[in-house]
């Protein structure tokens, strides 16, 4: 069986849960409890009704970041801190947040 990738939200360890004969198989993060394929998930998205651990693992490992989202570093870069510290220049906290996200996406790599 293929190894599970870390949780995309907290990088925690994931685990296959449930049984195919008793409501299905799903994957859950042991740290933040994020899950894919739980019973309430399957009601809205029948494609998440996994019949085997291999199916659940394949789905968990193939998730991608939506086009409307960006990945951020665990720790803010200096550019992000600088954007935050210029907060008084922004009209709203949303503007400040967007400036920090923009600074993060520049990929300076500094921490």
N, C-alpha and C. Protein backbone atom coordinates (compact mmCIF):
# COMPACT_ATOMS: atom_id res chain seq x y z
N UNK A 1 0.85 -1.18 0.00
CA UNK A 1 0.00 0.00 0.00
C UNK A 1 0.89 1.25 0.00
N UNK A 2 0.50 2.26 -0.73
CA UNK A 2 1.25 3.51 -0.84
C UNK A 2 1.22 4.27 0.48
N UNK A 3 2.33 4.93 0.79
CA UNK A 3 2.40 5.75 1.99
C UNK A 3 1.51 6.98 1.84
N UNK A 4 0.94 7.41 2.95
CA UNK A 4 0.13 8.62 2.96
C UNK A 4 1.04 9.85 3.03
N UNK A 5 0.69 10.86 2.25
CA UNK A 5 1.41 12.12 2.34
C UNK A 5 0.97 12.84 3.62
N UNK A 6 1.77 13.78 4.11
CA UNK A 6 1.37 14.54 5.30
C UNK A 6 0.12 15.37 5.03
N UNK A 7 -0.53 15.78 6.09
CA UNK A 7 -1.71 16.64 5.98
C UNK A 7 -1.33 17.94 5.27
N UNK A 8 -2.14 18.37 4.29
CA UNK A 8 -1.81 19.61 3.58
C UNK A 8 -2.05 20.86 4.42
N UNK A 9 -2.76 20.73 5.54
CA UNK A 9 -3.07 21.89 6.36
C UNK A 9 -2.09 22.09 7.51
N UNK A 10 -1.66 20.98 8.12
CA UNK A 10 -0.78 21.12 9.29
C UNK A 10 0.50 20.30 9.17
N UNK A 11 0.66 19.56 8.10
CA UNK A 11 1.78 18.64 7.85
C UNK A 11 1.82 17.48 8.85
N UNK A 12 0.72 17.24 9.54
CA UNK A 12 0.65 16.13 10.49
C UNK A 12 0.56 14.78 9.80
N UNK A 13 0.67 13.73 10.60
CA UNK A 13 0.60 12.36 10.11
C UNK A 13 -0.85 11.97 9.86
N UNK A 14 -1.07 11.32 8.72
CA UNK A 14 -2.42 10.86 8.37
C UNK A 14 -2.52 9.36 8.57
N UNK A 15 -3.77 8.90 8.70
CA UNK A 15 -4.01 7.48 8.94
C UNK A 15 -5.29 7.04 8.22
N UNK A 16 -5.27 5.82 7.69
CA UNK A 16 -6.47 5.25 7.10
C UNK A 16 -7.37 4.77 8.24
N UNK A 17 -8.64 5.12 8.18
CA UNK A 17 -9.59 4.78 9.24
C UNK A 17 -10.81 4.09 8.63
N UNK A 18 -11.57 3.43 9.46
CA UNK A 18 -12.80 2.79 9.03
C UNK A 18 -12.55 1.45 8.35
N UNK A 19 -13.65 0.82 7.97
CA UNK A 19 -13.59 -0.46 7.28
C UNK A 19 -14.59 -0.45 6.15
N UNK A 20 -14.24 -1.05 5.03
CA UNK A 20 -15.11 -1.06 3.86
C UNK A 20 -16.47 -1.67 4.17
N UNK A 21 -16.50 -2.70 5.02
CA UNK A 21 -17.75 -3.38 5.35
C UNK A 21 -18.61 -2.62 6.36
N UNK A 22 -18.05 -1.61 7.02
CA UNK A 22 -18.78 -0.89 8.06
C UNK A 22 -18.79 0.61 7.78
N UNK A 23 -19.36 1.01 6.68
CA UNK A 23 -19.53 2.43 6.39
C UNK A 23 -18.46 3.05 5.53
N UNK A 24 -17.44 2.34 5.20
CA UNK A 24 -16.43 2.87 4.29
C UNK A 24 -15.12 3.23 4.95
N UNK A 25 -14.17 3.54 4.10
CA UNK A 25 -12.81 3.86 4.51
C UNK A 25 -12.58 5.35 4.28
N UNK A 26 -11.85 5.97 5.18
CA UNK A 26 -11.49 7.38 5.01
C UNK A 26 -10.08 7.60 5.55
N UNK A 27 -9.54 8.77 5.26
CA UNK A 27 -8.22 9.16 5.77
C UNK A 27 -8.41 10.36 6.67
N UNK A 28 -7.73 10.36 7.80
CA UNK A 28 -7.82 11.48 8.74
C UNK A 28 -6.43 11.86 9.25
N UNK A 29 -6.24 13.15 9.48
CA UNK A 29 -5.00 13.65 10.08
C UNK A 29 -5.08 13.44 11.58
N UNK A 30 -4.03 12.88 12.16
CA UNK A 30 -4.00 12.63 13.60
C UNK A 30 -3.74 13.89 14.41
N UNK A 31 -3.32 14.96 13.74
CA UNK A 31 -3.01 16.21 14.44
C UNK A 31 -4.18 17.18 14.44
N UNK A 32 -4.71 17.49 13.24
CA UNK A 32 -5.75 18.52 13.16
C UNK A 32 -7.14 17.95 12.85
N UNK A 33 -7.23 16.64 12.68
CA UNK A 33 -8.49 15.95 12.42
C UNK A 33 -9.09 16.22 11.04
N UNK A 34 -8.35 16.85 10.16
CA UNK A 34 -8.81 17.00 8.78
C UNK A 34 -9.04 15.60 8.23
N UNK A 35 -10.11 15.41 7.46
CA UNK A 35 -10.41 14.07 6.95
C UNK A 35 -10.95 14.15 5.53
N UNK A 36 -10.82 13.05 4.83
CA UNK A 36 -11.34 12.93 3.47
C UNK A 36 -12.05 11.59 3.37
N UNK A 37 -13.37 11.63 3.10
CA UNK A 37 -14.14 10.42 2.89
C UNK A 37 -14.98 9.98 4.07
N UNK A 38 -15.13 10.83 5.09
CA UNK A 38 -15.99 10.47 6.21
C UNK A 38 -17.45 10.45 5.76
N UNK A 39 -18.32 9.85 6.54
CA UNK A 39 -19.71 9.62 6.15
C UNK A 39 -20.41 10.92 5.74
N UNK A 40 -20.24 12.02 6.48
CA UNK A 40 -20.91 13.27 6.13
C UNK A 40 -20.28 13.89 4.89
N UNK A 41 -19.05 13.56 4.60
CA UNK A 41 -18.38 14.00 3.39
C UNK A 41 -18.99 13.29 2.18
N UNK A 42 -19.29 12.01 2.33
CA UNK A 42 -19.80 11.19 1.23
C UNK A 42 -21.21 11.56 0.83
N UNK A 43 -22.00 12.10 1.74
CA UNK A 43 -23.36 12.50 1.39
C UNK A 43 -23.34 13.57 0.31
N UNK A 44 -22.46 14.55 0.45
CA UNK A 44 -22.38 15.64 -0.51
C UNK A 44 -21.52 15.28 -1.72
N UNK A 45 -20.55 14.38 -1.51
CA UNK A 45 -19.62 14.02 -2.58
C UNK A 45 -19.48 12.50 -2.65
N UNK A 46 -20.37 11.84 -3.36
CA UNK A 46 -20.34 10.38 -3.41
C UNK A 46 -19.01 9.82 -3.91
N UNK A 47 -18.25 10.61 -4.64
CA UNK A 47 -16.95 10.13 -5.11
C UNK A 47 -15.97 9.92 -3.96
N UNK A 48 -16.33 10.38 -2.77
CA UNK A 48 -15.51 10.17 -1.58
C UNK A 48 -15.93 8.93 -0.79
N UNK A 49 -16.78 8.09 -1.36
CA UNK A 49 -17.19 6.83 -0.71
C UNK A 49 -16.17 5.76 -1.10
N UNK A 50 -15.07 5.72 -0.39
CA UNK A 50 -13.97 4.82 -0.73
C UNK A 50 -14.26 3.40 -0.25
N UNK A 51 -14.01 2.44 -1.12
CA UNK A 51 -14.26 1.04 -0.79
C UNK A 51 -13.02 0.32 -0.30
N UNK A 52 -11.87 1.00 -0.39
CA UNK A 52 -10.63 0.36 0.07
C UNK A 52 -9.66 1.42 0.57
N UNK A 53 -8.71 0.96 1.34
CA UNK A 53 -7.66 1.85 1.80
C UNK A 53 -6.88 2.44 0.65
N UNK A 54 -6.65 1.63 -0.39
CA UNK A 54 -5.89 2.10 -1.55
C UNK A 54 -6.61 3.26 -2.25
N UNK A 55 -7.95 3.17 -2.37
CA UNK A 55 -8.72 4.27 -2.97
C UNK A 55 -8.62 5.53 -2.13
N UNK A 56 -8.77 5.39 -0.82
CA UNK A 56 -8.72 6.54 0.07
C UNK A 56 -7.34 7.19 0.04
N UNK A 57 -6.30 6.38 0.04
CA UNK A 57 -4.93 6.90 0.01
C UNK A 57 -4.67 7.63 -1.30
N UNK A 58 -5.12 7.05 -2.41
CA UNK A 58 -4.92 7.70 -3.71
C UNK A 58 -5.60 9.07 -3.75
N UNK A 59 -6.80 9.16 -3.21
CA UNK A 59 -7.51 10.45 -3.18
C UNK A 59 -6.80 11.45 -2.27
N UNK A 60 -6.40 11.01 -1.08
CA UNK A 60 -5.69 11.87 -0.12
C UNK A 60 -4.40 12.40 -0.74
N UNK A 61 -3.66 11.54 -1.38
CA UNK A 61 -2.36 11.92 -1.93
C UNK A 61 -2.44 12.73 -3.21
N UNK A 62 -3.62 12.81 -3.83
CA UNK A 62 -3.72 13.53 -5.11
C UNK A 62 -4.37 14.90 -4.99
N UNK A 63 -4.64 15.35 -3.78
CA UNK A 63 -5.27 16.66 -3.62
C UNK A 63 -4.32 17.76 -4.05
N UNK A 64 -4.89 18.82 -4.58
CA UNK A 64 -4.11 19.97 -5.01
C UNK A 64 -4.66 21.22 -4.35
N UNK A 65 -3.86 22.26 -4.37
CA UNK A 65 -4.28 23.54 -3.81
C UNK A 65 -5.22 24.21 -4.82
N UNK A 66 -6.41 24.64 -4.38
CA UNK A 66 -7.33 25.31 -5.30
C UNK A 66 -6.69 26.57 -5.90
N UNK A 67 -7.12 26.93 -7.09
CA UNK A 67 -6.59 28.12 -7.77
C UNK A 67 -6.76 29.39 -6.95
N UNK A 68 -7.75 29.41 -6.08
CA UNK A 68 -8.03 30.61 -5.28
C UNK A 68 -7.20 30.67 -4.00
N UNK A 69 -6.33 29.68 -3.77
CA UNK A 69 -5.53 29.63 -2.55
C UNK A 69 -4.04 29.68 -2.89
N UNK A 70 -3.25 30.07 -1.91
CA UNK A 70 -1.80 30.03 -2.05
C UNK A 70 -1.22 29.31 -0.85
N UNK A 71 -0.10 28.64 -1.05
CA UNK A 71 0.60 28.03 0.06
C UNK A 71 1.51 29.07 0.70
N UNK A 72 1.56 29.07 2.00
CA UNK A 72 2.40 30.02 2.73
C UNK A 72 3.43 29.26 3.54
N UNK A 73 4.55 29.91 3.82
CA UNK A 73 5.55 29.26 4.66
C UNK A 73 5.04 29.11 6.09
N UNK A 74 5.59 28.14 6.82
CA UNK A 74 5.19 27.96 8.22
C UNK A 74 5.55 29.18 9.05
N UNK A 75 6.66 29.78 8.75
CA UNK A 75 7.12 30.99 9.44
C UNK A 75 7.12 32.14 8.44
N UNK A 76 6.72 33.34 8.88
CA UNK A 76 6.70 34.46 7.95
C UNK A 76 8.12 34.85 7.51
N UNK A 77 8.23 35.21 6.24
CA UNK A 77 9.50 35.69 5.73
C UNK A 77 9.71 37.13 6.19
N UNK A 78 10.90 37.63 6.01
CA UNK A 78 11.16 39.03 6.37
C UNK A 78 10.28 39.95 5.55
N UNK A 79 10.07 39.63 4.29
CA UNK A 79 9.20 40.45 3.44
C UNK A 79 7.78 40.49 3.98
N UNK A 80 7.29 39.37 4.50
CA UNK A 80 5.94 39.33 5.08
C UNK A 80 5.89 40.18 6.34
N UNK A 81 6.92 40.09 7.18
CA UNK A 81 6.97 40.91 8.40
C UNK A 81 7.02 42.39 8.05
N UNK A 82 7.80 42.73 7.04
CA UNK A 82 7.88 44.12 6.61
C UNK A 82 6.52 44.62 6.14
N UNK A 83 5.80 43.77 5.38
CA UNK A 83 4.47 44.16 4.91
C UNK A 83 3.53 44.36 6.09
N UNK A 84 3.61 43.48 7.09
CA UNK A 84 2.77 43.63 8.28
C UNK A 84 3.10 44.92 9.03
N UNK A 85 4.39 45.19 9.17
CA UNK A 85 4.82 46.38 9.91
C UNK A 85 4.44 47.68 9.21
N UNK A 86 4.17 47.61 7.92
CA UNK A 86 3.67 48.78 7.19
C UNK A 86 2.16 48.87 7.29
N UNK A 87 1.55 48.13 8.18
CA UNK A 87 0.10 48.02 8.31
C UNK A 87 -0.65 49.33 8.37
N UNK A 88 -0.06 50.34 8.96
CA UNK A 88 -0.75 51.63 9.07
C UNK A 88 -0.95 52.29 7.71
N UNK A 89 -0.19 51.83 6.71
CA UNK A 89 -0.33 52.38 5.36
C UNK A 89 -1.57 51.85 4.66
N UNK A 90 -2.14 50.75 5.15
CA UNK A 90 -3.26 50.10 4.49
C UNK A 90 -4.58 50.64 5.02
N UNK A 91 -5.58 50.62 4.16
CA UNK A 91 -6.89 51.11 4.57
C UNK A 91 -7.61 50.12 5.47
N UNK A 92 -7.38 48.82 5.25
CA UNK A 92 -8.05 47.80 6.04
C UNK A 92 -7.05 46.70 6.37
N UNK A 93 -7.43 45.83 7.32
CA UNK A 93 -6.59 44.67 7.62
C UNK A 93 -6.57 43.72 6.43
N UNK A 94 -7.64 43.70 5.65
CA UNK A 94 -7.65 42.88 4.44
C UNK A 94 -6.56 43.30 3.47
N UNK A 95 -6.37 44.63 3.34
CA UNK A 95 -5.29 45.13 2.48
C UNK A 95 -3.93 44.70 3.01
N UNK A 96 -3.78 44.76 4.33
CA UNK A 96 -2.53 44.32 4.96
C UNK A 96 -2.30 42.84 4.71
N UNK A 97 -3.33 42.03 4.88
CA UNK A 97 -3.25 40.59 4.66
C UNK A 97 -2.84 40.30 3.22
N UNK A 98 -3.49 40.98 2.27
CA UNK A 98 -3.16 40.76 0.86
C UNK A 98 -1.71 41.14 0.58
N UNK A 99 -1.20 42.20 1.21
CA UNK A 99 0.20 42.60 1.02
C UNK A 99 1.14 41.52 1.58
N UNK A 100 0.78 40.92 2.71
CA UNK A 100 1.60 39.85 3.28
C UNK A 100 1.60 38.62 2.37
N UNK A 101 0.43 38.27 1.81
CA UNK A 101 0.33 37.14 0.89
C UNK A 101 1.17 37.41 -0.35
N UNK A 102 1.07 38.63 -0.87
CA UNK A 102 1.87 38.99 -2.04
C UNK A 102 3.37 38.89 -1.74
N UNK A 103 3.78 39.32 -0.56
CA UNK A 103 5.19 39.22 -0.18
C UNK A 103 5.61 37.75 -0.08
N UNK A 104 4.72 36.90 0.44
CA UNK A 104 5.04 35.47 0.57
C UNK A 104 5.19 34.84 -0.80
N UNK A 105 4.36 35.24 -1.76
CA UNK A 105 4.38 34.61 -3.07
C UNK A 105 5.60 35.02 -3.89
N UNK A 106 6.34 36.04 -3.42
CA UNK A 106 7.55 36.45 -4.12
C UNK A 106 8.69 35.45 -3.91
N UNK A 107 8.51 34.58 -2.92
CA UNK A 107 9.46 33.47 -2.73
C UNK A 107 10.87 33.89 -2.40
N UNK A 108 11.02 34.85 -1.51
CA UNK A 108 12.37 35.29 -1.17
C UNK A 108 13.14 34.23 -0.41
N UNK A 109 12.41 33.32 0.27
CA UNK A 109 13.07 32.23 0.98
C UNK A 109 13.65 32.60 2.32
N UNK A 110 13.65 33.88 2.68
CA UNK A 110 14.18 34.24 3.99
C UNK A 110 13.16 33.95 5.06
N UNK A 111 13.62 33.70 6.27
CA UNK A 111 12.71 33.35 7.37
C UNK A 111 12.78 34.37 8.46
